[in-house]
Amino acid sequence: MAHGIEIYNQHGQLRVSLTSRITRLLFSRHISRGSSGSVTVPGFDPNKGVAMVIAKGVSNSSYGVVPHQVSVSGETVSWSPHSESDFADHHAGQLLVFAYA
């Protein structure tokens, strides 16, 4: 008898199996408006994951809300405001670091 998990949709198509790529949240942190910084996330491999900032808030500007830019070097994730977005609203955000399983 086989062991594991498989999930099918309403049409009987396989959607998830043990070999499917599923993300796992490794790290989450509030990022203050206009701030810069970095954090080491043990076990994070940028070739097997992603880091992003999701902006929080509503814009009063016609240019919209701009999240922080993110860069990665090894296990270190850094963030800073977008310098080329002088006319947009810089808001606080949430830094999210995911790994692919």
N, C-alpha and C. Protein backbone atom coordinates (compact mmCIF):
# COMPACT_ATOMS: atom_id res chain seq x y z
N MET A 1 0.85 -1.19 0.00
CA MET A 1 0.00 0.00 0.00
C MET A 1 0.89 1.24 0.00
N ALA A 2 0.56 2.23 -0.85
CA ALA A 2 1.33 3.47 -0.94
C ALA A 2 1.04 4.37 0.25
N HIS A 3 2.03 5.18 0.61
CA HIS A 3 1.87 6.14 1.69
C HIS A 3 2.12 7.53 1.16
N GLY A 4 1.50 8.54 1.76
CA GLY A 4 1.72 9.92 1.34
C GLY A 4 0.41 10.65 1.22
N ILE A 5 0.46 11.75 0.48
CA ILE A 5 -0.73 12.57 0.31
C ILE A 5 -0.83 13.03 -1.14
N GLU A 6 -2.04 12.98 -1.65
CA GLU A 6 -2.35 13.54 -2.96
C GLU A 6 -3.68 14.28 -2.84
N ILE A 7 -3.75 15.44 -3.49
CA ILE A 7 -4.98 16.24 -3.46
C ILE A 7 -5.44 16.44 -4.90
N TYR A 8 -6.72 16.18 -5.13
CA TYR A 8 -7.31 16.29 -6.46
C TYR A 8 -8.36 17.39 -6.46
N ASN A 9 -8.55 18.05 -7.62
CA ASN A 9 -9.61 19.05 -7.72
C ASN A 9 -10.93 18.37 -8.06
N GLN A 10 -11.97 19.17 -8.26
CA GLN A 10 -13.30 18.64 -8.50
C GLN A 10 -13.41 17.90 -9.83
N HIS A 11 -12.43 18.06 -10.71
CA HIS A 11 -12.42 17.37 -12.00
C HIS A 11 -11.57 16.11 -11.98
N GLY A 12 -11.08 15.76 -10.82
CA GLY A 12 -10.27 14.55 -10.68
C GLY A 12 -8.82 14.72 -11.09
N GLN A 13 -8.38 15.97 -11.32
CA GLN A 13 -7.00 16.21 -11.70
C GLN A 13 -6.13 16.35 -10.46
N LEU A 14 -4.96 15.72 -10.49
CA LEU A 14 -4.02 15.80 -9.38
C LEU A 14 -3.50 17.23 -9.25
N ARG A 15 -3.62 17.84 -8.06
CA ARG A 15 -3.16 19.21 -7.83
C ARG A 15 -1.92 19.25 -6.95
N VAL A 16 -1.81 18.36 -5.95
CA VAL A 16 -0.68 18.33 -5.04
C VAL A 16 -0.31 16.89 -4.74
N SER A 17 0.98 16.60 -4.80
CA SER A 17 1.47 15.30 -4.36
C SER A 17 2.76 15.53 -3.59
N LEU A 18 3.34 14.50 -3.09
CA LEU A 18 4.58 14.65 -2.32
C LEU A 18 5.70 15.30 -3.12
N THR A 19 5.64 15.25 -4.43
CA THR A 19 6.68 15.84 -5.26
C THR A 19 6.34 17.26 -5.70
N SER A 20 5.20 17.80 -5.32
CA SER A 20 4.82 19.16 -5.70
C SER A 20 5.65 20.18 -4.94
N ARG A 21 5.86 21.34 -5.57
CA ARG A 21 6.61 22.42 -4.92
C ARG A 21 5.64 23.22 -4.06
N ILE A 22 5.86 23.22 -2.77
CA ILE A 22 5.02 23.94 -1.82
C ILE A 22 5.92 24.90 -1.06
N THR A 23 5.44 26.12 -0.81
CA THR A 23 6.26 27.08 -0.07
C THR A 23 6.03 26.97 1.42
N ARG A 24 7.08 27.34 2.14
CA ARG A 24 7.04 27.35 3.61
C ARG A 24 7.53 28.72 4.06
N LEU A 25 6.79 29.39 4.93
CA LEU A 25 7.19 30.68 5.44
C LEU A 25 8.32 30.50 6.44
N LEU A 26 9.48 31.10 6.15
CA LEU A 26 10.63 31.00 7.04
C LEU A 26 10.73 32.17 8.00
N PHE A 27 10.30 33.36 7.53
CA PHE A 27 10.52 34.57 8.33
C PHE A 27 9.50 35.63 7.93
N SER A 28 9.06 36.41 8.92
CA SER A 28 8.15 37.51 8.68
C SER A 28 8.49 38.63 9.66
N ARG A 29 8.49 39.88 9.16
CA ARG A 29 8.82 41.01 10.03
C ARG A 29 8.17 42.27 9.49
N HIS A 30 7.68 43.11 10.40
CA HIS A 30 7.14 44.43 10.03
C HIS A 30 8.31 45.32 9.63
N ILE A 31 8.16 46.04 8.51
CA ILE A 31 9.16 46.99 8.02
C ILE A 31 8.56 48.38 8.12
N SER A 32 9.22 49.27 8.85
CA SER A 32 8.72 50.63 9.03
C SER A 32 8.83 51.44 7.75
N ARG A 33 7.98 52.41 7.63
CA ARG A 33 7.96 53.30 6.46
C ARG A 33 9.33 53.96 6.27
N GLY A 34 9.88 53.84 5.06
CA GLY A 34 11.13 54.49 4.72
C GLY A 34 12.38 53.89 5.33
N SER A 35 12.27 52.75 5.99
CA SER A 35 13.42 52.17 6.69
C SER A 35 14.28 51.32 5.75
N SER A 36 15.51 51.11 6.17
CA SER A 36 16.44 50.19 5.51
C SER A 36 16.99 49.26 6.57
N GLY A 37 17.40 48.07 6.16
CA GLY A 37 17.97 47.14 7.12
C GLY A 37 18.24 45.80 6.48
N SER A 38 18.67 44.87 7.31
CA SER A 38 18.93 43.51 6.84
C SER A 38 18.75 42.54 7.99
N VAL A 39 18.56 41.29 7.63
CA VAL A 39 18.38 40.23 8.62
C VAL A 39 18.94 38.95 8.03
N THR A 40 19.52 38.13 8.87
CA THR A 40 19.98 36.81 8.45
C THR A 40 18.88 35.80 8.73
N VAL A 41 18.53 35.03 7.72
CA VAL A 41 17.49 34.01 7.86
C VAL A 41 18.18 32.65 7.71
N PRO A 42 18.49 31.98 8.83
CA PRO A 42 19.20 30.70 8.77
C PRO A 42 18.45 29.67 7.91
N GLY A 43 19.20 29.03 7.02
CA GLY A 43 18.61 28.01 6.17
C GLY A 43 18.01 28.52 4.88
N PHE A 44 17.96 29.85 4.69
CA PHE A 44 17.38 30.39 3.46
C PHE A 44 18.37 30.24 2.31
N ASP A 45 17.91 29.69 1.22
CA ASP A 45 18.70 29.54 0.00
C ASP A 45 17.97 30.31 -1.10
N PRO A 46 18.54 31.42 -1.60
CA PRO A 46 17.84 32.22 -2.60
C PRO A 46 17.56 31.47 -3.90
N ASN A 47 18.23 30.35 -4.13
CA ASN A 47 17.95 29.54 -5.31
C ASN A 47 16.75 28.63 -5.11
N LYS A 48 16.29 28.53 -3.85
CA LYS A 48 15.15 27.66 -3.52
C LYS A 48 14.11 28.41 -2.71
N GLY A 49 13.98 29.72 -2.95
CA GLY A 49 13.02 30.50 -2.20
C GLY A 49 12.89 31.90 -2.74
N VAL A 50 12.15 32.73 -2.01
CA VAL A 50 11.91 34.10 -2.44
C VAL A 50 11.70 34.98 -1.20
N ALA A 51 12.15 36.24 -1.33
CA ALA A 51 11.94 37.24 -0.28
C ALA A 51 11.23 38.42 -0.92
N MET A 52 10.26 39.01 -0.20
CA MET A 52 9.49 40.13 -0.74
C MET A 52 8.97 40.98 0.40
N VAL A 53 8.62 42.23 0.06
CA VAL A 53 7.93 43.11 1.00
C VAL A 53 6.58 43.45 0.39
N ILE A 54 5.53 43.26 1.17
CA ILE A 54 4.18 43.63 0.75
C ILE A 54 3.85 44.94 1.46
N ALA A 55 3.55 45.98 0.68
CA ALA A 55 3.24 47.30 1.24
C ALA A 55 1.90 47.26 1.98
N LYS A 56 1.84 48.00 3.08
CA LYS A 56 0.60 48.13 3.84
C LYS A 56 0.11 49.56 3.73
N GLY A 57 -1.15 49.74 3.55
CA GLY A 57 -1.70 51.08 3.55
C GLY A 57 -2.42 51.43 2.27
N VAL A 58 -3.05 52.59 2.29
CA VAL A 58 -3.79 53.10 1.15
C VAL A 58 -3.09 54.37 0.69
N SER A 59 -2.95 54.52 -0.61
CA SER A 59 -2.23 55.67 -1.16
C SER A 59 -3.16 56.85 -1.40
N ASN A 60 -2.64 58.03 -1.10
CA ASN A 60 -3.33 59.27 -1.46
C ASN A 60 -2.67 59.88 -2.69
N SER A 61 -1.74 59.19 -3.27
CA SER A 61 -0.99 59.66 -4.42
C SER A 61 -1.48 58.97 -5.70
N SER A 62 -1.44 59.69 -6.81
CA SER A 62 -1.82 59.08 -8.08
C SER A 62 -0.76 58.09 -8.54
N TYR A 63 0.43 58.09 -7.91
CA TYR A 63 1.50 57.17 -8.27
C TYR A 63 1.38 55.83 -7.53
N GLY A 64 0.57 55.78 -6.51
CA GLY A 64 0.32 54.53 -5.80
C GLY A 64 1.29 54.25 -4.66
N VAL A 65 1.07 53.12 -4.02
CA VAL A 65 1.89 52.66 -2.90
C VAL A 65 3.06 51.87 -3.46
N VAL A 66 4.25 52.14 -2.95
CA VAL A 66 5.45 51.46 -3.43
C VAL A 66 6.07 50.67 -2.27
N PRO A 67 6.21 49.34 -2.41
CA PRO A 67 6.86 48.56 -1.36
C PRO A 67 8.37 48.79 -1.38
N HIS A 68 9.03 48.40 -0.33
CA HIS A 68 10.49 48.47 -0.28
C HIS A 68 11.09 47.54 -1.32
N GLN A 69 12.30 47.86 -1.78
CA GLN A 69 13.02 46.92 -2.65
C GLN A 69 13.78 45.95 -1.76
N VAL A 70 13.96 44.74 -2.26
CA VAL A 70 14.59 43.66 -1.49
C VAL A 70 15.77 43.11 -2.28
N SER A 71 16.87 42.83 -1.58
CA SER A 71 18.01 42.15 -2.19
C SER A 71 18.44 41.02 -1.27
N VAL A 72 19.05 40.01 -1.87
CA VAL A 72 19.45 38.83 -1.11
C VAL A 72 20.89 38.49 -1.43
N SER A 73 21.65 38.18 -0.38
CA SER A 73 23.02 37.69 -0.54
C SER A 73 23.20 36.53 0.44
N GLY A 74 23.19 35.32 -0.09
CA GLY A 74 23.26 34.15 0.79
C GLY A 74 22.03 34.09 1.68
N GLU A 75 22.24 34.00 2.99
CA GLU A 75 21.13 33.95 3.94
C GLU A 75 20.71 35.34 4.43
N THR A 76 21.34 36.39 3.91
CA THR A 76 21.04 37.75 4.35
C THR A 76 20.05 38.41 3.39
N VAL A 77 18.95 38.89 3.95
CA VAL A 77 17.91 39.59 3.20
C VAL A 77 17.95 41.05 3.62
N SER A 78 18.07 41.96 2.64
CA SER A 78 18.14 43.40 2.92
C SER A 78 16.97 44.11 2.26
N TRP A 79 16.57 45.25 2.82
CA TRP A 79 15.48 46.04 2.27
C TRP A 79 15.82 47.52 2.38
N SER A 80 15.25 48.30 1.46
CA SER A 80 15.40 49.75 1.46
C SER A 80 14.28 50.35 0.62
N PRO A 81 13.97 51.65 0.84
CA PRO A 81 12.94 52.27 0.02
C PRO A 81 13.41 52.40 -1.42
N HIS A 82 12.49 52.39 -2.35
CA HIS A 82 12.83 52.60 -3.75
C HIS A 82 13.26 54.05 -3.94
N SER A 83 14.47 54.28 -4.39
CA SER A 83 14.96 55.65 -4.55
C SER A 83 14.35 56.35 -5.75
N GLU A 84 13.96 55.60 -6.77
CA GLU A 84 13.41 56.23 -7.97
C GLU A 84 11.92 56.53 -7.87
N SER A 85 11.33 56.29 -6.72
CA SER A 85 9.88 56.50 -6.57
C SER A 85 9.60 57.69 -5.66
N ASP A 86 10.23 58.85 -5.95
CA ASP A 86 10.10 60.02 -5.09
C ASP A 86 8.68 60.55 -4.98
N PHE A 87 7.84 60.28 -5.98
CA PHE A 87 6.49 60.84 -5.97
C PHE A 87 5.46 59.87 -5.41
N ALA A 88 5.84 58.64 -5.18
CA ALA A 88 4.90 57.64 -4.67
C ALA A 88 4.87 57.67 -3.15
N ASP A 89 3.83 57.08 -2.59
CA ASP A 89 3.72 56.96 -1.14
C ASP A 89 4.58 55.79 -0.66
N HIS A 90 5.53 56.09 0.20
CA HIS A 90 6.32 55.03 0.83
C HIS A 90 5.59 54.61 2.09
N HIS A 91 5.18 53.37 2.14
CA HIS A 91 4.43 52.86 3.28
C HIS A 91 5.22 51.81 4.03
N ALA A 92 4.76 51.52 5.23
CA ALA A 92 5.29 50.39 5.97
C ALA A 92 4.93 49.12 5.20
N GLY A 93 5.56 48.03 5.54
CA GLY A 93 5.27 46.79 4.85
C GLY A 93 5.56 45.58 5.71
N GLN A 94 5.38 44.43 5.13
CA GLN A 94 5.66 43.16 5.80
C GLN A 94 6.67 42.40 4.96
N LEU A 95 7.85 42.14 5.55
CA LEU A 95 8.87 41.33 4.88
C LEU A 95 8.51 39.86 5.05
N LEU A 96 8.45 39.14 3.95
CA LEU A 96 8.13 37.71 3.95
C LEU A 96 9.26 36.96 3.24
N VAL A 97 9.75 35.89 3.86
CA VAL A 97 10.78 35.05 3.26
C VAL A 97 10.24 33.64 3.20
N PHE A 98 10.17 33.09 1.99
CA PHE A 98 9.62 31.76 1.76
C PHE A 98 10.69 30.82 1.22
N ALA A 99 10.56 29.54 1.53
CA ALA A 99 11.40 28.49 0.95
C ALA A 99 10.49 27.52 0.22
N TYR A 100 10.98 27.02 -0.90
CA TYR A 100 10.24 25.99 -1.64
C TYR A 100 10.59 24.64 -1.05
N ALA A 101 9.56 23.86 -0.77
CA ALA A 101 9.77 22.52 -0.20
C ALA A 101 10.02 21.53 -1.30
